Protein backbone atom coordinates (compact mmCIF):
# COMPACT_ATOMS: atom_id res chain seq x y z
CA MET A 1 22.88 61.15 37.85
CA ILE A 2 19.85 58.79 37.24
CA PHE A 3 19.23 57.14 33.90
CA LYS A 4 15.71 55.37 32.92
CA VAL A 5 16.76 52.46 30.58
CA PHE A 6 14.36 51.06 28.01
CA TYR A 7 15.08 47.57 26.65
CA GLN A 8 13.78 44.15 25.56
CA GLU A 9 14.41 40.90 27.42
CA SER A 10 15.97 39.33 24.66
CA LYS A 11 18.40 40.41 21.87
CA ALA A 12 17.37 37.46 19.86
CA GLU A 13 13.64 38.70 19.54
CA VAL A 14 12.31 41.47 17.15
CA PRO A 15 11.55 44.56 19.61
CA VAL A 16 7.99 44.79 20.25
CA ARG A 17 6.56 48.33 22.05
CA GLU A 18 4.16 46.37 24.15
CA CYS A 19 7.14 44.41 25.55
CA THR A 20 9.27 46.92 26.58
CA GLN A 21 10.25 47.26 30.02
CA SER A 22 12.47 49.76 32.05
CA LEU A 23 14.75 49.89 34.76
CA TYR A 24 16.39 52.89 36.72
CA MET A 25 20.49 53.31 37.07
CA LYS A 26 22.59 55.58 38.81
CA ALA A 27 25.80 56.42 36.79
CA ASP A 28 27.97 59.26 35.69
CA SER A 29 27.01 58.77 31.81
CA GLU A 30 25.06 57.01 29.25
CA ARG A 31 28.05 55.17 28.43
CA GLU A 32 28.54 54.02 31.75
CA VAL A 33 25.24 52.60 32.04
CA ARG A 34 25.46 50.74 28.70
CA LEU A 35 28.96 49.30 30.04
CA ASN A 36 27.29 48.11 33.30
CA LEU A 37 24.39 46.67 31.16
CA LYS A 38 26.53 44.83 28.41
CA ASP A 39 26.56 41.61 30.21
CA LYS A 40 22.88 41.09 30.37
CA PRO A 41 20.94 39.77 27.61
CA TYR A 42 19.10 43.15 27.27
CA ASN A 43 18.38 44.50 23.80
CA ILE A 44 18.48 48.21 25.05
CA GLU A 45 16.12 50.53 23.14
CA PHE A 46 16.93 54.18 24.56
CA VAL A 47 18.63 55.53 27.72
CA GLN A 48 17.19 58.62 29.09
CA LYS A 49 18.69 61.02 31.46
CA LEU A 50 15.98 61.86 34.29
CA GLU A 51 16.49 65.21 35.87
CA GLY A 52 14.33 67.96 37.74
CA ALA A 53 10.49 67.13 37.28
CA PHE A 54 11.03 64.00 35.12
CA LEU A 55 13.06 62.62 37.83
CA GLU A 56 10.39 63.77 40.64
CA TYR A 57 7.81 62.16 38.72
CA GLU A 58 9.26 58.86 38.30
CA GLN A 59 10.04 58.58 41.86
CA ASN A 60 6.62 59.41 42.67
CA HIS A 61 4.41 57.61 40.32
CA HIS A 62 6.36 54.53 39.15
CA SER A 63 7.81 51.26 40.90
CA PHE A 64 11.19 53.40 41.20
CA GLU A 65 14.04 51.13 42.24
CA LEU A 66 17.79 51.70 41.22
CA GLU A 67 19.63 48.80 39.89
CA GLN A 68 22.91 48.06 41.22
């Protein structure tokens, strides 16, 4: 499954919507995504599972690159 992760660069700063970034990750579950990112300094706001038309849209209209 492919997940889109919305996050802030730093856990120390107050989240600001305009500074939210995103990345894409292949994993079996949301928990696996969070475990893979736990060593990063990210403040994860939301993890969204992408499938069907949503996944197709992201692949075609955004800078879609899977994180390892």
